[in-house]
């Protein structure tokens, strides 16, 4: 019986790109006090609602070029055959960033694809014709962990993001370098 190969599914911000500073800077520039800033990982509409600002004001100050790939990510995504993205980033912004980086996932779903709600893996699994055990979801937040658990997809924490390591759950598989993702796929 041939070995099954899993497909890597990724969150975007904080997992593929080091975007924490790029995501928080607009809140700072808009004068949102630190204790009123929403946690990273929320859909933009919800994050702005919680902070009491408009999406338009946020986007006016957001600099996507400030979000750069973590070391080893570009090599990883170019080594993958099929891979996917599920992100709470807005669709237009997500596609622009994928294009800017020269990345072409097999399927990518963004906040707009989920009706502005938290990301889900079901549409991504369907688009890639995968059962939950045929994938692994790599993310950096408790939202990502819950997203994977909701549909029975194995989860790995993007520990190459130092912030993510601080939120590791006891049973998380914590990856320290993107190259370790390849070991999870066979």
N, C-alpha and C. Protein backbone atom coordinates (compact mmCIF):
# COMPACT_ATOMS: atom_id res chain seq x y z
N UNK A 1 0.84 -1.18 0.00
CA UNK A 1 0.00 0.00 0.00
C UNK A 1 0.89 1.24 0.00
N UNK A 2 0.69 2.20 -0.96
CA UNK A 2 1.55 3.38 -1.02
C UNK A 2 1.33 4.30 0.18
N UNK A 3 2.39 5.00 0.55
CA UNK A 3 2.29 5.94 1.66
C UNK A 3 1.41 7.13 1.24
N UNK A 4 0.65 7.61 2.18
CA UNK A 4 -0.20 8.77 1.92
C UNK A 4 0.62 10.03 2.15
N UNK A 5 0.42 10.98 1.29
CA UNK A 5 1.10 12.25 1.44
C UNK A 5 0.09 13.29 1.88
N UNK A 6 0.41 13.98 2.96
CA UNK A 6 -0.44 15.06 3.45
C UNK A 6 -0.16 16.34 2.66
N UNK A 7 -1.12 17.23 2.72
CA UNK A 7 -0.99 18.55 2.09
C UNK A 7 -0.89 19.58 3.21
N UNK A 8 0.05 20.49 3.09
CA UNK A 8 0.23 21.55 4.08
C UNK A 8 -0.76 22.68 3.82
N UNK A 9 -1.47 23.06 4.88
CA UNK A 9 -2.37 24.20 4.85
C UNK A 9 -1.82 25.21 5.85
N UNK A 10 -1.84 26.47 5.49
CA UNK A 10 -1.23 27.50 6.33
C UNK A 10 -2.18 28.65 6.63
N UNK A 11 -2.04 29.19 7.82
CA UNK A 11 -2.52 30.52 8.11
C UNK A 11 -1.53 31.44 7.40
N UNK A 12 -1.86 32.69 7.22
CA UNK A 12 -0.96 33.59 6.50
C UNK A 12 -0.13 34.46 7.45
N UNK A 13 -0.78 35.45 8.07
CA UNK A 13 -0.06 36.39 8.95
C UNK A 13 0.43 35.70 10.20
N UNK A 14 1.71 35.88 10.51
CA UNK A 14 2.29 35.28 11.71
C UNK A 14 2.75 33.86 11.50
N UNK A 15 2.40 33.29 10.36
CA UNK A 15 2.80 31.92 10.04
C UNK A 15 3.72 31.90 8.83
N UNK A 16 3.25 32.45 7.73
CA UNK A 16 4.08 32.54 6.53
C UNK A 16 4.90 33.83 6.51
N UNK A 17 4.29 34.90 6.97
CA UNK A 17 4.98 36.19 6.99
C UNK A 17 5.04 36.75 8.40
N UNK A 18 6.15 37.43 8.68
CA UNK A 18 6.36 38.08 9.97
C UNK A 18 5.65 39.43 9.89
N UNK A 19 4.40 39.44 10.27
CA UNK A 19 3.55 40.60 10.04
C UNK A 19 3.08 41.29 11.33
N UNK A 20 3.51 40.83 12.48
CA UNK A 20 3.00 41.40 13.73
C UNK A 20 3.14 42.92 13.76
N UNK A 21 4.30 43.42 13.42
CA UNK A 21 4.53 44.88 13.46
C UNK A 21 3.66 45.58 12.41
N UNK A 22 3.58 45.03 11.22
CA UNK A 22 2.77 45.64 10.16
C UNK A 22 1.29 45.69 10.56
N UNK A 23 0.82 44.67 11.27
CA UNK A 23 -0.58 44.61 11.66
C UNK A 23 -0.91 45.53 12.83
N UNK A 24 0.04 45.75 13.71
CA UNK A 24 -0.24 46.58 14.89
C UNK A 24 0.04 48.07 14.66
N UNK A 25 0.90 48.38 13.72
CA UNK A 25 1.26 49.80 13.49
C UNK A 25 0.04 50.68 13.18
N UNK A 26 -0.91 50.28 12.34
CA UNK A 26 -2.07 51.16 12.10
C UNK A 26 -2.85 51.49 13.37
N UNK A 27 -2.97 50.54 14.28
CA UNK A 27 -3.67 50.82 15.54
C UNK A 27 -2.91 51.89 16.32
N UNK A 28 -1.58 51.78 16.35
CA UNK A 28 -0.75 52.78 17.04
C UNK A 28 -0.94 54.15 16.40
N UNK A 29 -0.84 54.20 15.06
CA UNK A 29 -0.95 55.47 14.35
C UNK A 29 -2.32 56.11 14.53
N UNK A 30 -3.34 55.28 14.74
CA UNK A 30 -4.69 55.79 14.95
C UNK A 30 -4.96 56.11 16.42
N UNK A 31 -3.95 55.94 17.27
CA UNK A 31 -4.08 56.30 18.67
C UNK A 31 -4.88 55.33 19.52
N UNK A 32 -5.00 54.08 19.06
CA UNK A 32 -5.72 53.08 19.84
C UNK A 32 -4.81 52.65 21.00
N UNK A 33 -5.25 52.87 22.25
CA UNK A 33 -4.42 52.47 23.38
C UNK A 33 -4.13 50.97 23.36
N UNK A 34 -2.96 50.62 23.83
CA UNK A 34 -2.54 49.21 23.79
C UNK A 34 -3.56 48.27 24.42
N UNK A 35 -4.20 48.69 25.51
CA UNK A 35 -5.17 47.81 26.18
C UNK A 35 -6.49 47.67 25.41
N UNK A 36 -6.67 48.46 24.35
CA UNK A 36 -7.88 48.35 23.52
C UNK A 36 -7.59 47.72 22.17
N UNK A 37 -6.34 47.36 21.93
CA UNK A 37 -5.99 46.75 20.64
C UNK A 37 -6.43 45.29 20.66
N UNK A 38 -7.07 44.87 19.60
CA UNK A 38 -7.55 43.48 19.53
C UNK A 38 -6.38 42.50 19.40
N UNK A 39 -6.61 41.25 19.78
CA UNK A 39 -5.55 40.25 19.61
C UNK A 39 -5.30 39.99 18.12
N UNK A 40 -4.08 39.62 17.81
CA UNK A 40 -3.76 39.26 16.43
C UNK A 40 -4.54 38.02 16.03
N UNK A 41 -4.88 37.94 14.76
CA UNK A 41 -5.54 36.75 14.24
C UNK A 41 -7.02 36.91 13.97
N UNK A 42 -7.62 38.02 14.39
CA UNK A 42 -9.05 38.24 14.14
C UNK A 42 -9.27 38.70 12.70
N UNK A 43 -10.48 38.45 12.14
CA UNK A 43 -10.80 39.08 10.86
C UNK A 43 -10.72 40.61 11.02
N UNK A 44 -10.27 41.31 9.99
CA UNK A 44 -10.03 42.74 10.08
C UNK A 44 -11.27 43.52 10.50
N UNK A 45 -12.42 43.16 9.98
CA UNK A 45 -13.65 43.88 10.33
C UNK A 45 -13.89 43.80 11.84
N UNK A 46 -13.72 42.61 12.41
CA UNK A 46 -13.92 42.42 13.85
C UNK A 46 -12.85 43.16 14.65
N UNK A 47 -11.61 43.09 14.20
CA UNK A 47 -10.52 43.76 14.92
C UNK A 47 -10.76 45.27 14.95
N UNK A 48 -11.16 45.84 13.83
CA UNK A 48 -11.42 47.28 13.78
C UNK A 48 -12.63 47.64 14.63
N UNK A 49 -13.65 46.81 14.61
CA UNK A 49 -14.82 47.07 15.45
C UNK A 49 -14.42 47.11 16.92
N UNK A 50 -13.62 46.12 17.34
CA UNK A 50 -13.18 46.08 18.74
C UNK A 50 -12.34 47.30 19.11
N UNK A 51 -11.55 47.79 18.16
CA UNK A 51 -10.67 48.93 18.43
C UNK A 51 -11.39 50.27 18.29
N UNK A 52 -12.61 50.24 17.73
CA UNK A 52 -13.36 51.48 17.56
C UNK A 52 -12.88 52.34 16.41
N UNK A 53 -12.36 51.71 15.36
CA UNK A 53 -11.89 52.44 14.18
C UNK A 53 -12.55 51.84 12.94
N UNK A 54 -12.40 52.52 11.81
CA UNK A 54 -12.96 51.98 10.57
C UNK A 54 -11.91 51.14 9.84
N UNK A 55 -12.39 50.20 9.05
CA UNK A 55 -11.50 49.39 8.23
C UNK A 55 -10.74 50.29 7.26
N UNK A 56 -11.42 51.28 6.71
CA UNK A 56 -10.79 52.19 5.75
C UNK A 56 -9.62 52.93 6.39
N UNK A 57 -9.83 53.45 7.62
CA UNK A 57 -8.74 54.15 8.31
C UNK A 57 -7.56 53.21 8.58
N UNK A 58 -7.87 51.98 8.96
CA UNK A 58 -6.81 50.99 9.21
C UNK A 58 -6.03 50.74 7.92
N UNK A 59 -6.74 50.43 6.83
CA UNK A 59 -6.08 50.08 5.57
C UNK A 59 -5.27 51.23 5.00
N UNK A 60 -5.70 52.45 5.27
CA UNK A 60 -4.95 53.62 4.82
C UNK A 60 -3.54 53.63 5.41
N UNK A 61 -3.39 53.04 6.58
CA UNK A 61 -2.11 53.07 7.29
C UNK A 61 -1.35 51.74 7.23
N UNK A 62 -1.98 50.71 6.70
CA UNK A 62 -1.35 49.39 6.65
C UNK A 62 -0.35 49.33 5.50
N UNK A 63 0.85 48.89 5.78
CA UNK A 63 1.90 48.77 4.76
C UNK A 63 2.21 47.30 4.55
N UNK A 64 1.65 46.68 3.50
CA UNK A 64 1.88 45.25 3.29
C UNK A 64 3.34 44.89 3.04
N UNK A 65 4.12 45.85 2.52
CA UNK A 65 5.53 45.53 2.26
C UNK A 65 6.32 45.36 3.55
N UNK A 66 5.74 45.78 4.68
CA UNK A 66 6.42 45.60 5.97
C UNK A 66 6.34 44.15 6.45
N UNK A 67 5.44 43.37 5.87
CA UNK A 67 5.30 41.95 6.24
C UNK A 67 6.16 41.12 5.29
N UNK A 68 7.22 40.54 5.83
CA UNK A 68 8.15 39.76 5.01
C UNK A 68 8.12 38.29 5.44
N UNK A 69 8.43 37.39 4.51
CA UNK A 69 8.43 35.97 4.86
C UNK A 69 9.42 35.66 5.98
N UNK A 70 9.03 34.73 6.84
CA UNK A 70 9.98 34.22 7.82
C UNK A 70 11.09 33.49 7.07
N UNK A 71 12.28 33.45 7.66
CA UNK A 71 13.40 32.72 7.04
C UNK A 71 12.98 31.28 6.76
N UNK A 72 13.21 30.85 5.54
CA UNK A 72 12.91 29.47 5.14
C UNK A 72 11.53 29.26 4.55
N UNK A 73 10.64 30.22 4.66
CA UNK A 73 9.27 30.05 4.14
C UNK A 73 9.24 30.03 2.62
N UNK A 74 9.92 30.97 1.99
CA UNK A 74 9.89 31.01 0.52
C UNK A 74 10.41 29.70 -0.06
N UNK A 75 11.49 29.19 0.50
CA UNK A 75 12.03 27.91 0.02
C UNK A 75 11.01 26.79 0.25
N UNK A 76 10.34 26.83 1.39
CA UNK A 76 9.35 25.80 1.70
C UNK A 76 8.21 25.82 0.68
N UNK A 77 7.58 26.97 0.47
CA UNK A 77 6.41 26.99 -0.42
C UNK A 77 6.80 26.63 -1.85
N UNK A 78 8.02 26.94 -2.25
CA UNK A 78 8.46 26.56 -3.60
C UNK A 78 8.76 25.06 -3.69
N UNK A 79 9.00 24.42 -2.55
CA UNK A 79 9.27 22.98 -2.54
C UNK A 79 7.98 22.15 -2.49
N UNK A 80 6.87 22.80 -2.16
CA UNK A 80 5.61 22.07 -2.03
C UNK A 80 4.93 21.92 -3.39
N UNK A 81 4.31 20.77 -3.59
CA UNK A 81 3.52 20.58 -4.79
C UNK A 81 2.18 21.30 -4.61
N UNK A 82 1.34 20.70 -3.77
CA UNK A 82 0.05 21.31 -3.45
C UNK A 82 0.11 21.88 -2.05
N UNK A 83 -0.49 23.03 -1.87
CA UNK A 83 -0.58 23.63 -0.55
C UNK A 83 -1.70 24.65 -0.57
N UNK A 84 -2.15 25.03 0.62
CA UNK A 84 -3.27 25.95 0.69
C UNK A 84 -3.12 26.95 1.81
N UNK A 85 -3.95 27.99 1.73
CA UNK A 85 -3.97 29.07 2.72
C UNK A 85 -5.40 29.28 3.18
N UNK A 86 -5.56 29.42 4.49
CA UNK A 86 -6.83 29.85 5.10
C UNK A 86 -6.46 30.98 6.05
N UNK A 87 -6.98 32.18 5.79
CA UNK A 87 -6.55 33.36 6.53
C UNK A 87 -7.73 34.26 6.85
N UNK A 88 -7.61 34.99 7.95
CA UNK A 88 -8.60 36.00 8.31
C UNK A 88 -8.31 37.34 7.62
N UNK A 89 -7.30 37.38 6.79
CA UNK A 89 -6.97 38.58 6.00
C UNK A 89 -8.09 38.78 4.97
N UNK A 90 -8.34 40.03 4.59
CA UNK A 90 -9.33 40.28 3.55
C UNK A 90 -8.83 39.74 2.22
N UNK A 91 -9.76 39.26 1.40
CA UNK A 91 -9.41 38.58 0.14
C UNK A 91 -8.52 39.42 -0.76
N UNK A 92 -8.90 40.65 -1.05
CA UNK A 92 -8.12 41.49 -1.97
C UNK A 92 -6.70 41.68 -1.45
N UNK A 93 -6.58 41.96 -0.17
CA UNK A 93 -5.26 42.15 0.44
C UNK A 93 -4.45 40.86 0.40
N UNK A 94 -5.10 39.74 0.71
CA UNK A 94 -4.42 38.45 0.70
C UNK A 94 -3.88 38.09 -0.67
N UNK A 95 -4.69 38.28 -1.69
CA UNK A 95 -4.23 37.96 -3.05
C UNK A 95 -3.11 38.89 -3.51
N UNK A 96 -3.21 40.17 -3.12
CA UNK A 96 -2.11 41.10 -3.46
C UNK A 96 -0.81 40.67 -2.80
N UNK A 97 -0.91 40.26 -1.55
CA UNK A 97 0.32 39.86 -0.84
C UNK A 97 0.89 38.56 -1.42
N UNK A 98 0.03 37.61 -1.76
CA UNK A 98 0.53 36.38 -2.40
C UNK A 98 1.23 36.71 -3.71
N UNK A 99 0.63 37.60 -4.48
CA UNK A 99 1.23 38.00 -5.77
C UNK A 99 2.57 38.72 -5.54
N UNK A 100 2.59 39.63 -4.57
CA UNK A 100 3.82 40.37 -4.25
C UNK A 100 4.96 39.42 -3.90
N UNK A 101 4.62 38.35 -3.19
CA UNK A 101 5.64 37.40 -2.75
C UNK A 101 5.97 36.34 -3.81
N UNK A 102 5.17 36.29 -4.88
CA UNK A 102 5.40 35.30 -5.93
C UNK A 102 4.98 33.90 -5.53
N UNK A 103 4.01 33.81 -4.64
CA UNK A 103 3.54 32.51 -4.15
C UNK A 103 2.22 32.16 -4.82
N UNK A 104 2.07 30.89 -5.16
CA UNK A 104 0.85 30.43 -5.83
C UNK A 104 0.32 29.17 -5.15
N UNK A 105 -0.40 29.34 -4.03
CA UNK A 105 -0.99 28.15 -3.39
C UNK A 105 -2.02 27.52 -4.32
N UNK A 106 -2.27 26.25 -4.12
CA UNK A 106 -3.26 25.54 -4.92
C UNK A 106 -4.66 26.07 -4.66
N UNK A 107 -4.89 26.56 -3.46
CA UNK A 107 -6.16 27.18 -3.08
C UNK A 107 -5.89 28.14 -1.93
N UNK A 108 -6.61 29.25 -1.92
CA UNK A 108 -6.46 30.24 -0.85
C UNK A 108 -7.84 30.82 -0.52
N UNK A 109 -8.17 30.81 0.75
CA UNK A 109 -9.45 31.35 1.23
C UNK A 109 -9.17 32.41 2.29
N UNK A 110 -9.94 33.50 2.18
CA UNK A 110 -9.74 34.63 3.07
C UNK A 110 -11.06 35.00 3.75
N UNK A 111 -10.99 35.96 4.66
CA UNK A 111 -12.13 36.34 5.48
C UNK A 111 -13.42 36.52 4.69
N UNK A 112 -13.35 37.19 3.55
CA UNK A 112 -14.55 37.41 2.72
C UNK A 112 -15.18 36.09 2.31
N UNK A 113 -14.36 35.05 2.12
CA UNK A 113 -14.87 33.74 1.71
C UNK A 113 -15.63 33.05 2.83
N UNK A 114 -15.47 33.53 4.05
CA UNK A 114 -16.15 32.96 5.21
C UNK A 114 -17.23 33.91 5.73
N UNK A 115 -17.67 34.83 4.88
CA UNK A 115 -18.69 35.78 5.28
C UNK A 115 -18.22 36.74 6.36
N UNK A 116 -16.91 37.00 6.42
CA UNK A 116 -16.35 37.90 7.41
C UNK A 116 -16.13 37.25 8.77
N UNK A 117 -16.48 35.99 8.89
CA UNK A 117 -16.28 35.25 10.15
C UNK A 117 -14.86 34.69 10.20
N UNK A 118 -14.55 34.07 11.35
CA UNK A 118 -13.26 33.38 11.50
C UNK A 118 -13.08 32.37 10.36
N UNK A 119 -11.84 32.18 9.96
CA UNK A 119 -11.55 31.22 8.90
C UNK A 119 -12.01 29.81 9.29
N UNK A 120 -12.26 29.01 8.28
CA UNK A 120 -12.65 27.61 8.43
C UNK A 120 -11.84 26.80 7.44
N UNK A 121 -11.63 25.54 7.76
CA UNK A 121 -10.87 24.69 6.84
C UNK A 121 -11.73 23.89 5.89
N UNK A 122 -13.02 23.77 6.15
CA UNK A 122 -13.89 22.95 5.30
C UNK A 122 -13.82 23.38 3.83
N UNK A 123 -13.96 24.66 3.49
CA UNK A 123 -13.88 25.03 2.07
C UNK A 123 -12.52 24.73 1.45
N UNK A 124 -11.47 24.90 2.23
CA UNK A 124 -10.13 24.62 1.72
C UNK A 124 -9.94 23.12 1.48
N UNK A 125 -10.40 22.32 2.42
CA UNK A 125 -10.34 20.86 2.24
C UNK A 125 -11.12 20.45 1.00
N UNK A 126 -12.32 21.02 0.82
CA UNK A 126 -13.15 20.68 -0.35
C UNK A 126 -12.46 21.08 -1.64
N UNK A 127 -11.89 22.28 -1.67
CA UNK A 127 -11.24 22.77 -2.89
C UNK A 127 -10.05 21.90 -3.28
N UNK A 128 -9.39 21.33 -2.28
CA UNK A 128 -8.22 20.48 -2.54
C UNK A 128 -8.57 19.00 -2.55
N UNK A 129 -9.87 18.70 -2.39
CA UNK A 129 -10.37 17.32 -2.36
C UNK A 129 -9.61 16.48 -1.33
N UNK A 130 -9.58 16.99 -0.09
CA UNK A 130 -8.84 16.34 0.99
C UNK A 130 -9.77 15.95 2.13
N UNK A 131 -9.49 14.81 2.72
CA UNK A 131 -10.10 14.45 4.00
C UNK A 131 -9.23 15.10 5.08
N UNK A 132 -9.78 15.30 6.28
CA UNK A 132 -8.99 15.95 7.34
C UNK A 132 -7.63 15.28 7.60
N UNK A 133 -7.58 13.97 7.54
CA UNK A 133 -6.31 13.29 7.80
C UNK A 133 -5.31 13.44 6.65
N UNK A 134 -5.77 14.00 5.52
CA UNK A 134 -4.89 14.23 4.38
C UNK A 134 -4.22 15.58 4.40
N UNK A 135 -4.38 16.29 5.52
CA UNK A 135 -3.82 17.64 5.61
C UNK A 135 -3.19 17.85 6.98
N UNK A 136 -2.42 18.90 7.09
CA UNK A 136 -1.91 19.40 8.36
C UNK A 136 -2.01 20.91 8.28
N UNK A 137 -2.53 21.54 9.34
CA UNK A 137 -2.68 22.99 9.35
C UNK A 137 -1.62 23.60 10.24
N UNK A 138 -0.88 24.54 9.68
CA UNK A 138 0.18 25.20 10.41
C UNK A 138 -0.26 26.63 10.68
N UNK A 139 -0.23 27.02 11.97
CA UNK A 139 -0.68 28.34 12.35
C UNK A 139 0.07 28.86 13.55
N UNK A 140 -0.32 30.08 13.99
CA UNK A 140 0.43 30.73 15.06
C UNK A 140 -0.44 31.19 16.23
N UNK A 141 -1.75 30.92 16.21
CA UNK A 141 -2.62 31.42 17.28
C UNK A 141 -3.56 30.33 17.78
N UNK A 142 -4.19 30.61 18.91
CA UNK A 142 -5.19 29.67 19.41
C UNK A 142 -6.37 29.58 18.46
N UNK A 143 -6.64 30.65 17.68
CA UNK A 143 -7.69 30.61 16.66
C UNK A 143 -7.36 29.52 15.63
N UNK A 144 -6.10 29.46 15.25
CA UNK A 144 -5.67 28.47 14.25
C UNK A 144 -5.81 27.05 14.79
N UNK A 145 -5.40 26.87 16.03
CA UNK A 145 -5.51 25.57 16.68
C UNK A 145 -6.97 25.12 16.72
N UNK A 146 -7.86 26.03 17.10
CA UNK A 146 -9.30 25.72 17.18
C UNK A 146 -9.88 25.44 15.80
N UNK A 147 -9.42 26.16 14.81
CA UNK A 147 -9.88 25.97 13.43
C UNK A 147 -9.56 24.55 12.96
N UNK A 148 -8.36 24.09 13.23
CA UNK A 148 -7.95 22.74 12.85
C UNK A 148 -8.73 21.69 13.64
N UNK A 149 -8.85 21.90 14.94
CA UNK A 149 -9.56 20.95 15.81
C UNK A 149 -11.02 20.81 15.42
N UNK A 150 -11.63 21.89 14.95
CA UNK A 150 -13.06 21.86 14.60
C UNK A 150 -13.38 20.84 13.51
N UNK A 151 -12.39 20.53 12.67
CA UNK A 151 -12.64 19.57 11.59
C UNK A 151 -11.73 18.35 11.63
N UNK A 152 -10.95 18.22 12.71
CA UNK A 152 -10.11 17.04 12.87
C UNK A 152 -8.84 17.03 12.03
N UNK A 153 -8.36 18.22 11.66
CA UNK A 153 -7.10 18.31 10.92
C UNK A 153 -5.96 18.44 11.92
N UNK A 154 -4.90 17.64 11.78
CA UNK A 154 -3.75 17.80 12.67
C UNK A 154 -3.20 19.23 12.60
N UNK A 155 -2.71 19.72 13.75
CA UNK A 155 -2.23 21.09 13.86
C UNK A 155 -0.77 21.11 14.27
N UNK A 156 -0.03 22.05 13.70
CA UNK A 156 1.36 22.29 14.12
C UNK A 156 1.53 23.79 14.32
N UNK A 157 2.20 24.17 15.38
CA UNK A 157 2.42 25.57 15.71
C UNK A 157 3.67 26.08 15.00
N UNK A 158 3.53 27.24 14.36
CA UNK A 158 4.64 27.88 13.65
C UNK A 158 5.59 28.50 14.68
N UNK A 159 6.37 27.68 15.32
CA UNK A 159 7.27 28.13 16.39
C UNK A 159 8.42 28.98 15.90
N UNK A 160 8.60 29.10 14.57
CA UNK A 160 9.61 30.02 14.06
C UNK A 160 9.18 31.47 14.33
N UNK A 161 7.91 31.67 14.67
CA UNK A 161 7.41 32.96 15.12
C UNK A 161 7.54 32.94 16.65
N UNK A 162 8.46 33.72 17.18
CA UNK A 162 8.72 33.71 18.63
C UNK A 162 7.47 33.98 19.45
N UNK A 163 6.61 34.90 18.99
CA UNK A 163 5.38 35.19 19.72
C UNK A 163 4.52 33.95 19.85
N UNK A 164 4.45 33.15 18.80
CA UNK A 164 3.61 31.95 18.81
C UNK A 164 4.08 30.94 19.84
N UNK A 165 5.39 30.83 20.02
CA UNK A 165 5.92 29.87 20.99
C UNK A 165 5.37 30.12 22.39
N UNK A 166 5.13 31.39 22.71
CA UNK A 166 4.61 31.74 24.02
C UNK A 166 3.17 31.31 24.24
N UNK A 167 2.47 30.95 23.17
CA UNK A 167 1.07 30.53 23.30
C UNK A 167 0.88 29.04 23.01
N UNK A 168 1.96 28.29 23.02
CA UNK A 168 1.87 26.86 22.73
C UNK A 168 1.03 26.14 23.78
N UNK A 169 0.16 25.27 23.31
CA UNK A 169 -0.62 24.41 24.21
C UNK A 169 0.23 23.18 24.51
N UNK A 170 -0.09 22.51 25.60
CA UNK A 170 0.70 21.36 26.05
C UNK A 170 0.83 20.28 24.98
N UNK A 171 -0.22 20.08 24.18
CA UNK A 171 -0.17 19.00 23.18
C UNK A 171 0.18 19.47 21.77
N UNK A 172 0.60 20.72 21.62
CA UNK A 172 0.99 21.23 20.30
C UNK A 172 2.28 20.59 19.82
N UNK A 173 2.33 20.33 18.54
CA UNK A 173 3.58 20.02 17.88
C UNK A 173 4.16 21.38 17.50
N UNK A 174 5.27 21.75 18.10
CA UNK A 174 5.86 23.07 17.86
C UNK A 174 7.04 22.90 16.89
N UNK A 175 6.91 23.52 15.73
CA UNK A 175 7.96 23.49 14.72
C UNK A 175 8.90 24.67 14.96
N UNK A 176 10.18 24.44 14.81
CA UNK A 176 11.13 25.53 15.04
C UNK A 176 11.65 26.14 13.74
N UNK A 177 11.47 25.44 12.62
CA UNK A 177 11.92 25.95 11.32
C UNK A 177 10.95 25.47 10.25
N UNK A 178 10.67 26.30 9.25
CA UNK A 178 9.73 25.89 8.20
C UNK A 178 10.09 24.58 7.50
N UNK A 179 11.35 24.23 7.40
CA UNK A 179 11.73 22.98 6.73
C UNK A 179 11.13 21.75 7.41
N UNK A 180 10.79 21.89 8.69
CA UNK A 180 10.21 20.76 9.43
C UNK A 180 8.81 20.40 8.91
N UNK A 181 8.17 21.32 8.22
CA UNK A 181 6.84 21.03 7.65
C UNK A 181 6.94 19.85 6.68
N UNK A 182 8.01 19.78 5.93
CA UNK A 182 8.16 18.69 4.95
C UNK A 182 8.11 17.32 5.62
N UNK A 183 8.63 17.22 6.82
CA UNK A 183 8.61 15.95 7.56
C UNK A 183 7.19 15.52 7.93
N UNK A 184 6.28 16.48 8.03
CA UNK A 184 4.89 16.18 8.42
C UNK A 184 4.05 15.69 7.25
N UNK A 185 4.56 15.81 6.05
CA UNK A 185 3.74 15.55 4.87
C UNK A 185 3.77 14.12 4.38
N UNK A 186 4.71 13.32 4.85
CA UNK A 186 4.76 11.93 4.36
C UNK A 186 4.32 10.95 5.41
